[in-house]
Amino acid sequence: MGAIVWIILGIVAGVVTCQLRQRTAVKNYIVYIIVGVAGSFLGGFTANLVTRNPVFALSFSSLLVALFGTVVFLGIFSAIQR
């Protein structure tokens, strides 16, 4: 169940990030959704390590964790892409 939650949150985080960066091409949405899913897993793993309390529920705090992980992963992705 936890993986499904992080995939859903990753898709939402990817779309939100794409909207914030004002990228509207379909290709950009696909890339941002993939980065969002990877970032949400990264954020969830990090939150689990820091708090020692797994975050598996659909809540506002888990969305913030997913967005944070997406932004970090997007920064890493952008640095590698250059």
C-alpha atoms as a PDB file:
ATOM      1  CA  MET A   1       0.000   0.000   0.000  1.00  0.00           C
ATOM      2  CA  GLY A   2       2.849   2.404   0.772  1.00  0.00           C
ATOM      3  CA  ALA A   3       4.322   2.193  -2.714  1.00  0.00           C
ATOM      4  CA  ILE A   4       0.961   2.998  -4.288  1.00  0.00           C
ATOM      5  CA  VAL A   5       0.636   6.086  -2.083  1.00  0.00           C
ATOM      6  CA  TRP A   6       4.109   7.302  -3.077  1.00  0.00           C
ATOM      7  CA  ILE A   7       3.370   6.732  -6.770  1.00  0.00           C
ATOM      8  CA  ILE A   8       0.149   8.743  -6.516  1.00  0.00           C
ATOM      9  CA  LEU A   9       1.889  11.503  -4.565  1.00  0.00           C
ATOM     10  CA  GLY A  10       4.770  11.444  -7.047  1.00  0.00           C
ATOM     11  CA  ILE A  11       2.401  11.992  -9.947  1.00  0.00           C
ATOM     12  CA  VAL A  12       0.772  14.902  -8.116  1.00  0.00           C
ATOM     13  CA  ALA A  13       4.165  16.353  -7.145  1.00  0.00           C
ATOM     14  CA  GLY A  14       5.425  16.009 -10.722  1.00  0.00           C
ATOM     15  CA  VAL A  15       2.419  17.836 -12.144  1.00  0.00           C
ATOM     16  CA  VAL A  16       2.672  20.580  -9.504  1.00  0.00           C
ATOM     17  CA  THR A  17       6.392  20.996 -10.183  1.00  0.00           C
ATOM     18  CA  CYS A  18       5.761  21.155 -13.920  1.00  0.00           C
ATOM     19  CA  GLN A  19       3.136  23.849 -13.385  1.00  0.00           C
ATOM     20  CA  LEU A  20       5.427  25.835 -11.085  1.00  0.00           C
ATOM     21  CA  ARG A  21       8.227  25.768 -13.644  1.00  0.00           C
ATOM     22  CA  GLN A  22       5.704  26.651 -16.393  1.00  0.00           C
ATOM     23  CA  ARG A  23       6.562  23.723 -18.653  1.00  0.00           C
ATOM     24  CA  THR A  24       3.529  22.808 -20.729  1.00  0.00           C
ATOM     25  CA  ALA A  25       4.768  20.344 -23.360  1.00  0.00           C
ATOM     26  CA  VAL A  26       3.550  16.754 -22.981  1.00  0.00           C
ATOM     27  CA  LYS A  27       7.156  15.537 -22.969  1.00  0.00           C
ATOM     28  CA  ASN A  28       7.882  17.775 -19.990  1.00  0.00           C
ATOM     29  CA  TYR A  29       4.900  16.413 -18.075  1.00  0.00           C
ATOM     30  CA  ILE A  30       6.073  12.833 -18.595  1.00  0.00           C
ATOM     31  CA  VAL A  31       9.602  13.649 -17.441  1.00  0.00           C
ATOM     32  CA  TYR A  32       8.353  15.614 -14.432  1.00  0.00           C
ATOM     33  CA  ILE A  33       5.969  12.825 -13.436  1.00  0.00           C
ATOM     34  CA  ILE A  34       8.799  10.282 -13.571  1.00  0.00           C
ATOM     35  CA  VAL A  35      11.027  12.638 -11.579  1.00  0.00           C
ATOM     36  CA  GLY A  36       8.108  13.231  -9.196  1.00  0.00           C
ATOM     37  CA  VAL A  37       7.632   9.530  -8.522  1.00  0.00           C
ATOM     38  CA  ALA A  38      11.370   9.019  -7.966  1.00  0.00           C
ATOM     39  CA  GLY A  39      11.514  12.117  -5.789  1.00  0.00           C
ATOM     40  CA  SER A  40       8.548  11.053  -3.702  1.00  0.00           C
ATOM     41  CA  PHE A  41      10.210   7.708  -3.015  1.00  0.00           C
ATOM     42  CA  LEU A  42      13.401   9.588  -2.090  1.00  0.00           C
ATOM     43  CA  GLY A  43      11.437  11.934   0.181  1.00  0.00           C
ATOM     44  CA  GLY A  44       9.537   9.058   1.790  1.00  0.00           C
ATOM     45  CA  PHE A  45      12.732   7.117   2.404  1.00  0.00           C
ATOM     46  CA  THR A  46      14.411  10.186   3.895  1.00  0.00           C
ATOM     47  CA  ALA A  47      11.404  10.989   6.087  1.00  0.00           C
ATOM     48  CA  ASN A  48      11.391   7.391   7.291  1.00  0.00           C
ATOM     49  CA  LEU A  49      15.077   7.626   8.218  1.00  0.00           C
ATOM     50  CA  VAL A  50      14.752  10.982   9.968  1.00  0.00           C
ATOM     51  CA  THR A  51      11.533  10.419  11.890  1.00  0.00           C
ATOM     52  CA  ARG A  52      11.771   6.619  12.232  1.00  0.00           C
ATOM     53  CA  ASN A  53       8.048   6.671  11.631  1.00  0.00           C
ATOM     54  CA  PRO A  54       6.966   5.541   8.158  1.00  0.00           C
ATOM     55  CA  VAL A  55       4.720   7.924   6.246  1.00  0.00           C
ATOM     56  CA  PHE A  56       2.292   5.829   4.211  1.00  0.00           C
ATOM     57  CA  ALA A  57      -1.003   7.718   4.458  1.00  0.00           C
ATOM     58  CA  LEU A  58      -2.421  10.201   1.995  1.00  0.00           C
ATOM     59  CA  SER A  59      -2.114  13.398   3.982  1.00  0.00           C
ATOM     60  CA  PHE A  60      -0.863  16.943   3.631  1.00  0.00           C
ATOM     61  CA  SER A  61       2.413  16.097   5.374  1.00  0.00           C
ATOM     62  CA  SER A  62       3.093  13.205   3.008  1.00  0.00           C
ATOM     63  CA  LEU A  63       2.385  15.523   0.054  1.00  0.00           C
ATOM     64  CA  LEU A  64       4.929  17.997   1.447  1.00  0.00           C
ATOM     65  CA  VAL A  65       7.459  15.174   1.821  1.00  0.00           C
ATOM     66  CA  ALA A  66       6.814  14.135  -1.792  1.00  0.00           C
ATOM     67  CA  LEU A  67       7.187  17.714  -3.041  1.00  0.00           C
ATOM     68  CA  PHE A  68      10.408  18.167  -1.092  1.00  0.00           C
ATOM     69  CA  GLY A  69      11.816  14.918  -2.485  1.00  0.00           C
ATOM     70  CA  THR A  70      10.756  15.914  -5.993  1.00  0.00           C
ATOM     71  CA  VAL A  71      12.482  19.291  -5.739  1.00  0.00           C
ATOM     72  CA  VAL A  72      15.680  17.666  -4.453  1.00  0.00           C
ATOM     73  CA  PHE A  73      15.590  14.964  -7.129  1.00  0.00           C
ATOM     74  CA  LEU A  74      14.831  17.584  -9.793  1.00  0.00           C
ATOM     75  CA  GLY A  75      17.882  19.550  -8.683  1.00  0.00           C
ATOM     76  CA  ILE A  76      20.035  16.441  -8.998  1.00  0.00           C
ATOM     77  CA  PHE A  77      18.444  15.611 -12.366  1.00  0.00           C
ATOM     78  CA  SER A  78      19.049  19.148 -13.676  1.00  0.00           C
ATOM     79  CA  ALA A  79      22.677  19.106 -12.516  1.00  0.00           C
ATOM     80  CA  ILE A  80      23.312  15.784 -14.279  1.00  0.00           C
ATOM     81  CA  GLN A  81      21.519  16.926 -17.418  1.00  0.00           C
ATOM     82  CA  ARG A  82      23.866  19.884 -17.910  1.00  0.00           C
END
